[in-house]
Structures are given as C-alpha cells and as structure tokens.
Amino acid sequence: YVEKILLVSGPDLQVLGLTFEDPKESDLNDGEDAKISIAYSNEGTISINDTWVLQVTVNGKTIKEVDIEEDMAAGEVNYYNFTYELPKGDDERVFKVILDLDEQIGEMNEDNNEFETTVKVNDGEPLIKAWYVIVVILIVLVGYVVYMKFTRQEWGYEPIQRWWEARN
C-alpha cells in the first residue's frame, strides 16, 4: 500500500479575544453600558467570501446575534464592536463568543470558533448617590439664607440683585 499525506486548505475562523473598551474589565458595574470589542481572524489559507453568524451570550442567554458579511483574507484580523448594558444580577458573568454559528463556512478547524471568559461585575451603587448631593446643596442654601437674615437683615438674594442692577 502507498501512504499519502493529504493537506486540507481552507478558511479557519478563530476568536482571538473579547475585551471591554469602556469601562475596562476591572471597572464594570451593574447597570452600566459596556463597550465590547471582539477580535477574530481567518487563520486559514483561503479567504472567506461568505456570510456567517457571530453570536455573543452571557450566562447562556443570547445578547447579540449578527450576520457578518465581509470578505476576509487569509491571516486578516477584524473586530466587531457593540455596546451592552450590564443588567443587575450575578457578580460573575460568563461571556461566550461563537463564530460561524450555523457552520456555513467549510473550515479546516471548527474547534477554535468559540471563546469563553468569566467577568466579575461590581455592584452598581456609586459612592456618592445623587440625592446626597441634592441634600448637601439644600443645606448650604438654607444655611446661606439663615446667615444673611440674622447678620444683614436680608433674605440673601438682595446682594445679588444689587450687583445685577449696578452692572446694568
């Protein structure tokens, strides 16, 4: 018998990574809009001239499914960017990217079409809530009015009014 080596050439989609552009992964909070960038490449020897599906899931739930229609040369790297609002919930989220979901592209290697990463999301409670700021402003205004009434026998708007009249 004769043994021959068969080299199969073709396209090979591969997920290179999923990154959080703004805010960075270490600063993610519940309820924030996160700008996500997915890097993928054609590691094969033939260009891709077809439509295929890119899917992104979080904890098993699909958050993005889009048809990619582009010519992609062998060795080319492309990016898909989108914005996603991080819902309140678990502290850790499992993001998964799947390329060529319906296996429309005849690839040399289908095993590298998925990428999964676990991301820690912080509680969305800011250190200073908006109502604290409003309360502080109100306290300052009341303090100003009381100070003006007891020290100058005015309600507080009179110096501003006199300044405005002198200006005009």
N, C-alpha and C. Protein backbone atom coordinates (compact mmCIF):
# COMPACT_ATOMS: atom_id res chain seq x y z
N TYR A 1 0.84 -1.17 0.00
CA TYR A 1 0.00 0.00 0.00
C TYR A 1 0.88 1.23 0.00
N VAL A 2 0.29 2.37 -0.44
CA VAL A 2 1.02 3.63 -0.53
C VAL A 2 0.37 4.63 0.43
N GLU A 3 1.17 5.24 1.26
CA GLU A 3 0.66 6.24 2.20
C GLU A 3 0.93 7.62 1.64
N LYS A 4 -0.15 8.43 1.57
CA LYS A 4 -0.01 9.80 1.06
C LYS A 4 -0.54 10.76 2.12
N ILE A 5 0.10 11.89 2.20
CA ILE A 5 -0.35 12.92 3.13
C ILE A 5 -1.29 13.84 2.38
N LEU A 6 -2.44 14.07 3.00
CA LEU A 6 -3.44 14.95 2.41
C LEU A 6 -3.47 16.24 3.22
N LEU A 7 -3.14 17.35 2.58
CA LEU A 7 -3.18 18.65 3.22
C LEU A 7 -4.49 19.33 2.82
N VAL A 8 -5.26 19.66 3.82
CA VAL A 8 -6.53 20.33 3.56
C VAL A 8 -6.30 21.82 3.78
N SER A 9 -6.67 22.62 2.79
CA SER A 9 -6.54 24.06 2.96
C SER A 9 -7.92 24.68 2.85
N GLY A 10 -8.08 25.73 3.56
CA GLY A 10 -9.37 26.42 3.55
C GLY A 10 -9.35 27.53 4.57
N PRO A 11 -10.48 28.16 4.76
CA PRO A 11 -10.56 29.20 5.78
C PRO A 11 -10.60 28.60 7.18
N ASP A 12 -10.28 29.40 8.16
CA ASP A 12 -10.33 28.95 9.55
C ASP A 12 -10.60 30.15 10.45
N LEU A 13 -11.86 30.37 10.78
CA LEU A 13 -12.23 31.45 11.68
C LEU A 13 -11.79 31.12 13.09
N GLN A 14 -11.27 32.13 13.80
CA GLN A 14 -10.81 31.92 15.16
C GLN A 14 -11.09 33.17 15.98
N VAL A 15 -11.65 32.99 17.19
CA VAL A 15 -11.85 34.11 18.10
C VAL A 15 -10.53 34.38 18.81
N LEU A 16 -10.06 35.61 18.70
CA LEU A 16 -8.80 35.98 19.35
C LEU A 16 -9.02 36.52 20.75
N GLY A 17 -10.17 37.17 20.97
CA GLY A 17 -10.42 37.70 22.30
C GLY A 17 -11.64 38.58 22.37
N LEU A 18 -12.07 38.82 23.59
CA LEU A 18 -13.19 39.71 23.88
C LEU A 18 -12.69 40.69 24.94
N THR A 19 -12.73 41.99 24.61
CA THR A 19 -12.23 42.99 25.55
C THR A 19 -13.29 44.05 25.81
N PHE A 20 -13.21 44.62 26.99
CA PHE A 20 -14.10 45.71 27.37
C PHE A 20 -13.32 46.99 27.21
N GLU A 21 -13.77 47.84 26.30
CA GLU A 21 -13.06 49.07 25.98
C GLU A 21 -13.37 50.18 26.98
N ASP A 22 -14.65 50.36 27.32
CA ASP A 22 -15.04 51.44 28.22
C ASP A 22 -16.31 51.05 28.94
N PRO A 23 -16.30 50.81 30.21
CA PRO A 23 -15.13 50.83 31.09
C PRO A 23 -14.29 49.57 30.91
N LYS A 24 -13.11 49.58 31.46
CA LYS A 24 -12.25 48.39 31.41
C LYS A 24 -12.86 47.27 32.23
N GLU A 25 -12.41 46.06 31.99
CA GLU A 25 -13.00 44.88 32.65
C GLU A 25 -12.97 44.98 34.17
N SER A 26 -11.95 45.60 34.73
CA SER A 26 -11.84 45.68 36.18
C SER A 26 -12.77 46.73 36.79
N ASP A 27 -13.41 47.56 35.96
CA ASP A 27 -14.26 48.64 36.45
C ASP A 27 -15.73 48.46 36.09
N LEU A 28 -16.16 47.27 35.72
CA LEU A 28 -17.54 47.05 35.29
C LEU A 28 -18.49 47.09 36.48
N ASN A 29 -19.59 47.83 36.33
CA ASN A 29 -20.62 47.94 37.35
C ASN A 29 -21.98 47.57 36.77
N ASP A 30 -22.85 47.02 37.62
CA ASP A 30 -24.22 46.73 37.20
C ASP A 30 -24.87 47.99 36.64
N GLY A 31 -25.65 47.82 35.57
CA GLY A 31 -26.41 48.93 35.01
C GLY A 31 -25.63 49.83 34.07
N GLU A 32 -24.33 49.64 33.95
CA GLU A 32 -23.52 50.47 33.05
C GLU A 32 -23.58 49.96 31.62
N ASP A 33 -23.36 50.86 30.68
CA ASP A 33 -23.17 50.46 29.30
C ASP A 33 -21.70 50.12 29.11
N ALA A 34 -21.44 48.93 28.62
CA ALA A 34 -20.07 48.49 28.38
C ALA A 34 -19.83 48.41 26.88
N LYS A 35 -18.74 49.00 26.43
CA LYS A 35 -18.35 48.90 25.03
C LYS A 35 -17.47 47.67 24.89
N ILE A 36 -17.93 46.72 24.07
CA ILE A 36 -17.25 45.43 23.94
C ILE A 36 -16.67 45.32 22.54
N SER A 37 -15.46 44.80 22.46
CA SER A 37 -14.79 44.58 21.19
C SER A 37 -14.39 43.11 21.08
N ILE A 38 -14.78 42.48 19.99
CA ILE A 38 -14.44 41.08 19.73
C ILE A 38 -13.46 41.04 18.57
N ALA A 39 -12.29 40.46 18.81
CA ALA A 39 -11.28 40.30 17.76
C ALA A 39 -11.37 38.87 17.22
N TYR A 40 -11.43 38.77 15.89
CA TYR A 40 -11.46 37.45 15.27
C TYR A 40 -10.60 37.49 14.01
N SER A 41 -10.15 36.32 13.60
CA SER A 41 -9.25 36.26 12.45
C SER A 41 -9.56 35.06 11.57
N ASN A 42 -9.00 35.10 10.37
CA ASN A 42 -9.04 33.97 9.45
C ASN A 42 -7.64 33.38 9.45
N GLU A 43 -7.45 32.32 10.22
CA GLU A 43 -6.14 31.69 10.34
C GLU A 43 -5.88 30.66 9.23
N GLY A 44 -6.82 30.54 8.32
CA GLY A 44 -6.68 29.57 7.24
C GLY A 44 -5.82 30.07 6.10
N THR A 45 -5.85 29.32 5.01
CA THR A 45 -5.02 29.65 3.85
C THR A 45 -5.83 30.20 2.68
N ILE A 46 -7.15 30.26 2.85
CA ILE A 46 -8.04 30.74 1.79
C ILE A 46 -8.93 31.83 2.38
N SER A 47 -9.23 32.83 1.58
CA SER A 47 -10.08 33.92 2.07
C SER A 47 -11.54 33.46 2.18
N ILE A 48 -12.31 34.19 2.99
CA ILE A 48 -13.73 33.90 3.21
C ILE A 48 -14.53 34.93 2.43
N ASN A 49 -15.41 34.45 1.57
CA ASN A 49 -16.28 35.33 0.78
C ASN A 49 -17.72 34.90 0.97
N ASP A 50 -18.15 34.82 2.21
CA ASP A 50 -19.48 34.31 2.50
C ASP A 50 -20.04 35.02 3.73
N THR A 51 -21.30 34.78 4.02
CA THR A 51 -21.94 35.34 5.21
C THR A 51 -21.98 34.27 6.29
N TRP A 52 -21.68 34.69 7.52
CA TRP A 52 -21.71 33.76 8.65
C TRP A 52 -22.23 34.50 9.87
N VAL A 53 -22.57 33.77 10.92
CA VAL A 53 -23.22 34.35 12.10
C VAL A 53 -22.24 34.43 13.27
N LEU A 54 -22.19 35.61 13.91
CA LEU A 54 -21.44 35.80 15.14
C LEU A 54 -22.47 35.91 16.26
N GLN A 55 -22.27 35.13 17.33
CA GLN A 55 -23.21 35.14 18.46
C GLN A 55 -22.45 35.39 19.75
N VAL A 56 -23.04 36.24 20.62
CA VAL A 56 -22.47 36.51 21.93
C VAL A 56 -23.54 36.16 22.96
N THR A 57 -23.15 35.36 23.96
CA THR A 57 -24.08 35.01 25.04
C THR A 57 -23.48 35.43 26.38
N VAL A 58 -24.37 35.71 27.33
CA VAL A 58 -23.97 35.99 28.70
C VAL A 58 -24.76 35.05 29.59
N ASN A 59 -24.04 34.21 30.33
CA ASN A 59 -24.67 33.19 31.19
C ASN A 59 -25.68 32.35 30.41
N GLY A 60 -25.35 32.04 29.16
CA GLY A 60 -26.20 31.19 28.33
C GLY A 60 -27.31 31.91 27.59
N LYS A 61 -27.51 33.19 27.85
CA LYS A 61 -28.57 33.96 27.19
C LYS A 61 -27.96 34.79 26.06
N THR A 62 -28.53 34.68 24.86
CA THR A 62 -28.01 35.41 23.70
C THR A 62 -28.27 36.90 23.86
N ILE A 63 -27.19 37.70 23.77
CA ILE A 63 -27.33 39.15 23.83
C ILE A 63 -27.08 39.80 22.48
N LYS A 64 -26.40 39.10 21.59
CA LYS A 64 -26.10 39.65 20.27
C LYS A 64 -25.95 38.50 19.29
N GLU A 65 -26.65 38.63 18.15
CA GLU A 65 -26.50 37.65 17.08
C GLU A 65 -26.57 38.45 15.78
N VAL A 66 -25.50 38.43 15.03
CA VAL A 66 -25.40 39.29 13.86
C VAL A 66 -24.80 38.51 12.69
N ASP A 67 -25.31 38.80 11.49
CA ASP A 67 -24.75 38.22 10.28
C ASP A 67 -23.55 39.07 9.87
N ILE A 68 -22.42 38.42 9.68
CA ILE A 68 -21.20 39.10 9.22
C ILE A 68 -21.07 38.84 7.73
N GLU A 69 -21.09 39.93 6.98
CA GLU A 69 -20.95 39.84 5.51
C GLU A 69 -19.71 40.62 5.12
N GLU A 70 -18.60 39.93 5.01
CA GLU A 70 -17.36 40.60 4.64
C GLU A 70 -16.42 39.62 3.97
N ASP A 71 -15.61 40.17 3.10
CA ASP A 71 -14.54 39.37 2.51
C ASP A 71 -13.37 39.45 3.49
N MET A 72 -12.87 38.29 3.86
CA MET A 72 -11.80 38.25 4.86
C MET A 72 -10.65 37.41 4.32
N ALA A 73 -9.54 38.06 4.07
CA ALA A 73 -8.37 37.39 3.50
C ALA A 73 -7.73 36.47 4.54
N ALA A 74 -6.97 35.53 4.07
CA ALA A 74 -6.23 34.64 4.97
C ALA A 74 -5.26 35.47 5.81
N GLY A 75 -5.26 35.23 7.11
CA GLY A 75 -4.39 35.95 8.02
C GLY A 75 -4.93 37.30 8.48
N GLU A 76 -6.07 37.71 7.99
CA GLU A 76 -6.64 39.01 8.35
C GLU A 76 -7.31 38.97 9.72
N VAL A 77 -7.19 40.08 10.45
CA VAL A 77 -7.83 40.23 11.76
C VAL A 77 -8.87 41.34 11.66
N ASN A 78 -10.08 41.06 12.14
CA ASN A 78 -11.16 42.05 12.14
C ASN A 78 -11.74 42.17 13.55
N TYR A 79 -12.53 43.21 13.73
CA TYR A 79 -13.15 43.47 15.04
C TYR A 79 -14.64 43.72 14.86
N TYR A 80 -15.40 43.25 15.84
CA TYR A 80 -16.82 43.58 15.91
C TYR A 80 -17.03 44.29 17.24
N ASN A 81 -17.57 45.50 17.19
CA ASN A 81 -17.77 46.31 18.38
C ASN A 81 -19.26 46.55 18.61
N PHE A 82 -19.67 46.52 19.87
CA PHE A 82 -21.05 46.84 20.21
C PHE A 82 -21.11 47.28 21.66
N THR A 83 -22.24 47.87 22.04
CA THR A 83 -22.47 48.33 23.40
C THR A 83 -23.53 47.46 24.04
N TYR A 84 -23.29 47.11 25.31
CA TYR A 84 -24.20 46.22 26.03
C TYR A 84 -24.40 46.76 27.44
N GLU A 85 -25.66 46.88 27.86
CA GLU A 85 -25.94 47.33 29.23
C GLU A 85 -25.88 46.13 30.16
N LEU A 86 -25.02 46.21 31.15
CA LEU A 86 -24.85 45.12 32.11
C LEU A 86 -26.03 45.12 33.08
N PRO A 87 -26.90 44.10 33.01
CA PRO A 87 -28.06 44.08 33.92
C PRO A 87 -27.63 43.75 35.34
N LYS A 88 -28.49 44.12 36.27
CA LYS A 88 -28.21 43.78 37.67
C LYS A 88 -28.39 42.28 37.82
N GLY A 89 -27.58 41.69 38.67
CA GLY A 89 -27.67 40.24 38.83
C GLY A 89 -26.44 39.67 39.47
N ASP A 90 -25.99 38.57 38.90
CA ASP A 90 -24.85 37.84 39.45
C ASP A 90 -23.59 38.69 39.47
N ASP A 91 -22.69 38.36 40.42
CA ASP A 91 -21.40 39.05 40.48
C ASP A 91 -20.50 38.66 39.33
N GLU A 92 -20.61 37.41 38.89
CA GLU A 92 -19.77 36.94 37.79
C GLU A 92 -20.65 36.60 36.59
N ARG A 93 -20.16 36.99 35.42
CA ARG A 93 -20.89 36.72 34.17
C ARG A 93 -19.96 35.93 33.25
N VAL A 94 -20.52 34.95 32.57
CA VAL A 94 -19.75 34.16 31.61
C VAL A 94 -20.12 34.64 30.22
N PHE A 95 -19.18 35.32 29.57
CA PHE A 95 -19.36 35.79 28.20
C PHE A 95 -18.81 34.72 27.25
N LYS A 96 -19.59 34.40 26.24
CA LYS A 96 -19.16 33.38 25.26
C LYS A 96 -19.39 33.93 23.86
N VAL A 97 -18.38 33.80 23.01
CA VAL A 97 -18.46 34.24 21.61
C VAL A 97 -18.38 32.99 20.74
N ILE A 98 -19.30 32.89 19.78
CA ILE A 98 -19.29 31.76 18.84
C ILE A 98 -19.27 32.34 17.43
N LEU A 99 -18.30 31.93 16.64
CA LEU A 99 -18.22 32.33 15.24
C LEU A 99 -18.79 31.22 14.37
N ASP A 100 -19.37 31.61 13.27
CA ASP A 100 -19.93 30.66 12.30
C ASP A 100 -20.90 29.71 13.01
N LEU A 101 -21.90 30.29 13.64
CA LEU A 101 -22.85 29.55 14.47
C LEU A 101 -23.52 28.41 13.70
N ASP A 102 -23.93 28.66 12.48
CA ASP A 102 -24.63 27.64 11.68
C ASP A 102 -23.69 26.81 10.82
N GLU A 103 -22.39 26.96 11.04
CA GLU A 103 -21.35 26.24 10.29
C GLU A 103 -21.56 26.38 8.78
N GLN A 104 -21.73 27.63 8.36
CA GLN A 104 -21.91 27.92 6.93
C GLN A 104 -20.58 27.93 6.18
N ILE A 105 -19.51 28.18 6.92
CA ILE A 105 -18.18 28.22 6.31
C ILE A 105 -17.53 26.85 6.49
N GLY A 106 -17.06 26.26 5.39
CA GLY A 106 -16.33 24.99 5.47
C GLY A 106 -14.91 25.27 5.95
N GLU A 107 -14.67 25.07 7.22
CA GLU A 107 -13.38 25.44 7.81
C GLU A 107 -12.46 24.24 7.97
N MET A 108 -11.17 24.54 8.08
CA MET A 108 -10.18 23.50 8.35
C MET A 108 -10.32 23.02 9.79
N ASN A 109 -10.68 23.93 10.70
CA ASN A 109 -10.76 23.59 12.11
C ASN A 109 -11.97 24.30 12.72
N GLU A 110 -12.98 23.55 13.11
CA GLU A 110 -14.18 24.13 13.72
C GLU A 110 -14.03 24.26 15.25
N ASP A 111 -12.96 23.72 15.82
CA ASP A 111 -12.81 23.69 17.27
C ASP A 111 -12.43 25.03 17.89
N ASN A 112 -11.92 25.96 17.09
CA ASN A 112 -11.48 27.23 17.65
C ASN A 112 -12.46 28.37 17.37
N ASN A 113 -13.72 28.03 17.13
CA ASN A 113 -14.74 29.04 16.83
C ASN A 113 -15.41 29.59 18.08
N GLU A 114 -15.04 29.10 19.25
CA GLU A 114 -15.67 29.56 20.48
C GLU A 114 -14.62 30.14 21.42
N PHE A 115 -15.07 31.15 22.16
CA PHE A 115 -14.22 31.79 23.16
C PHE A 115 -15.10 32.10 24.36
N GLU A 116 -14.61 31.76 25.55
CA GLU A 116 -15.40 31.97 26.76
C GLU A 116 -14.53 32.61 27.83
N THR A 117 -15.10 33.60 28.52
CA THR A 117 -14.38 34.26 29.60
C THR A 117 -15.36 34.62 30.71
N THR A 118 -14.88 34.56 31.95
CA THR A 118 -15.69 34.92 33.11
C THR A 118 -15.27 36.30 33.57
N VAL A 119 -16.26 37.16 33.78
CA VAL A 119 -16.01 38.55 34.14
C VAL A 119 -16.70 38.86 35.45
N LYS A 120 -16.00 39.54 36.35
CA LYS A 120 -16.59 39.96 37.62
C LYS A 120 -17.19 41.35 37.43
N VAL A 121 -18.46 41.49 37.83
CA VAL A 121 -19.16 42.77 37.71
C VAL A 121 -19.47 43.27 39.12
N ASN A 122 -19.09 44.52 39.39
CA ASN A 122 -19.29 45.12 40.71
C ASN A 122 -20.73 45.60 40.87
N ASP A 123 -21.11 45.79 42.14
CA ASP A 123 -22.41 46.39 42.43
C ASP A 123 -22.44 47.78 41.81
N GLY A 124 -23.55 48.17 41.26
CA GLY A 124 -23.67 49.44 40.58
C GLY A 124 -23.89 50.62 41.49
N GLU A 125 -23.78 50.47 42.79
CA GLU A 125 -24.03 51.56 43.72
C GLU A 125 -22.83 52.50 43.76
N PRO A 126 -23.00 53.76 43.35
CA PRO A 126 -21.89 54.71 43.42
C PRO A 126 -21.63 55.12 44.86
N LEU A 127 -20.42 55.63 45.11
CA LEU A 127 -20.06 56.06 46.45
C LEU A 127 -20.92 57.25 46.90
N ILE A 128 -21.14 58.19 46.02
CA ILE A 128 -21.98 59.34 46.35
C ILE A 128 -23.22 59.26 45.46
N LYS A 129 -24.34 59.05 46.08
CA LYS A 129 -25.58 58.98 45.32
C LYS A 129 -26.06 60.39 45.00
N ALA A 130 -26.87 60.53 43.98
CA ALA A 130 -27.35 61.84 43.54
C ALA A 130 -28.14 62.54 44.62
N TRP A 131 -28.90 61.83 45.40
CA TRP A 131 -29.73 62.50 46.42
C TRP A 131 -28.88 63.07 47.54
N TYR A 132 -27.70 62.51 47.80
CA TYR A 132 -26.80 63.11 48.78
C TYR A 132 -26.38 64.50 48.33
N VAL A 133 -26.08 64.64 47.06
CA VAL A 133 -25.66 65.92 46.51
C VAL A 133 -26.78 66.95 46.65
N ILE A 134 -28.01 66.54 46.35
CA ILE A 134 -29.16 67.44 46.46
C ILE A 134 -29.35 67.89 47.91
N VAL A 135 -29.23 66.98 48.86
CA VAL A 135 -29.38 67.31 50.28
C VAL A 135 -28.29 68.30 50.71
N VAL A 136 -27.06 68.08 50.29
CA VAL A 136 -25.97 68.98 50.64
C VAL A 136 -26.22 70.38 50.07
N ILE A 137 -26.68 70.47 48.83
CA ILE A 137 -26.97 71.76 48.22
C ILE A 137 -28.09 72.48 48.97
N LEU A 138 -29.13 71.74 49.34
CA LEU A 138 -30.23 72.34 50.11
C LEU A 138 -29.75 72.85 51.47
N ILE A 139 -28.91 72.09 52.16
CA ILE A 139 -28.39 72.52 53.46
C ILE A 139 -27.56 73.80 53.31
N VAL A 140 -26.74 73.87 52.27
CA VAL A 140 -25.93 75.07 52.03
C VAL A 140 -26.83 76.27 51.75
N LEU A 141 -27.86 76.10 50.94
CA LEU A 141 -28.78 77.20 50.64
C LEU A 141 -29.52 77.69 51.89
N VAL A 142 -30.04 76.76 52.68
CA VAL A 142 -30.74 77.14 53.92
C VAL A 142 -29.76 77.85 54.87
N GLY A 143 -28.56 77.35 54.99
CA GLY A 143 -27.55 77.99 55.82
C GLY A 143 -27.24 79.41 55.36
N TYR A 144 -27.14 79.60 54.05
CA TYR A 144 -26.89 80.93 53.48
C TYR A 144 -28.03 81.89 53.81
N VAL A 145 -29.28 81.46 53.62
CA VAL A 145 -30.45 82.30 53.89
C VAL A 145 -30.50 82.68 55.37
N VAL A 146 -30.30 81.72 56.25
CA VAL A 146 -30.33 81.98 57.69
C VAL A 146 -29.20 82.94 58.07
N TYR A 147 -28.00 82.72 57.56
CA TYR A 147 -26.86 83.61 57.83
C TYR A 147 -27.17 85.04 57.38
N MET A 148 -27.68 85.19 56.16
CA MET A 148 -27.98 86.53 55.65
C MET A 148 -29.08 87.21 56.46
N LYS A 149 -30.08 86.47 56.89
CA LYS A 149 -31.20 87.07 57.64
C LYS A 149 -30.74 87.55 59.01
N PHE A 150 -29.94 86.77 59.70
CA PHE A 150 -29.54 87.13 61.05
C PHE A 150 -28.35 88.10 61.10
N THR A 151 -27.51 88.14 60.07
CA THR A 151 -26.36 89.04 60.11
C THR A 151 -26.60 90.35 59.36
N ARG A 152 -27.40 90.35 58.31
CA ARG A 152 -27.60 91.56 57.49
C ARG A 152 -29.07 91.96 57.37
N GLN A 153 -29.94 91.24 58.00
CA GLN A 153 -31.38 91.51 57.92
C GLN A 153 -31.88 91.49 56.48
N GLU A 154 -31.30 90.60 55.67
CA GLU A 154 -31.72 90.40 54.29
C GLU A 154 -31.97 88.92 54.07
N TRP A 155 -32.71 88.59 53.01
CA TRP A 155 -33.02 87.19 52.73
C TRP A 155 -31.93 86.48 51.93
N GLY A 156 -31.03 87.20 51.37
CA GLY A 156 -29.92 86.56 50.66
C GLY A 156 -29.87 86.88 49.18
N TYR A 157 -31.00 87.20 48.59
CA TYR A 157 -30.99 87.49 47.16
C TYR A 157 -30.67 88.97 46.90
N GLU A 158 -30.79 89.83 47.93
CA GLU A 158 -30.60 91.26 47.75
C GLU A 158 -29.19 91.62 47.25
N PRO A 159 -28.09 91.03 47.84
CA PRO A 159 -26.76 91.38 47.30
C PRO A 159 -26.61 91.02 45.82
N ILE A 160 -27.21 89.93 45.42
CA ILE A 160 -27.14 89.53 44.02
C ILE A 160 -27.94 90.52 43.16
N GLN A 161 -29.11 90.93 43.66
CA GLN A 161 -29.95 91.88 42.93
C GLN A 161 -29.23 93.23 42.80
N ARG A 162 -28.59 93.71 43.88
CA ARG A 162 -27.86 94.98 43.82
C ARG A 162 -26.70 94.90 42.84
N TRP A 163 -26.00 93.78 42.85
CA TRP A 163 -24.89 93.59 41.90
C TRP A 163 -25.40 93.64 40.46
N TRP A 164 -26.52 92.98 40.20
CA TRP A 164 -27.09 92.93 38.85
C TRP A 164 -27.53 94.32 38.39
N GLU A 165 -28.16 95.06 39.30
CA GLU A 165 -28.61 96.40 38.96
C GLU A 165 -27.42 97.34 38.73
N ALA A 166 -26.36 97.21 39.51
CA ALA A 166 -25.18 98.05 39.34
C ALA A 166 -24.47 97.71 38.02
N ARG A 167 -24.56 96.48 37.59
CA ARG A 167 -23.91 96.01 36.38
C ARG A 167 -24.61 96.57 35.14
N ASN A 168 -25.92 96.67 35.22
CA ASN A 168 -26.70 97.14 34.06
C ASN A 168 -26.89 98.59 34.16
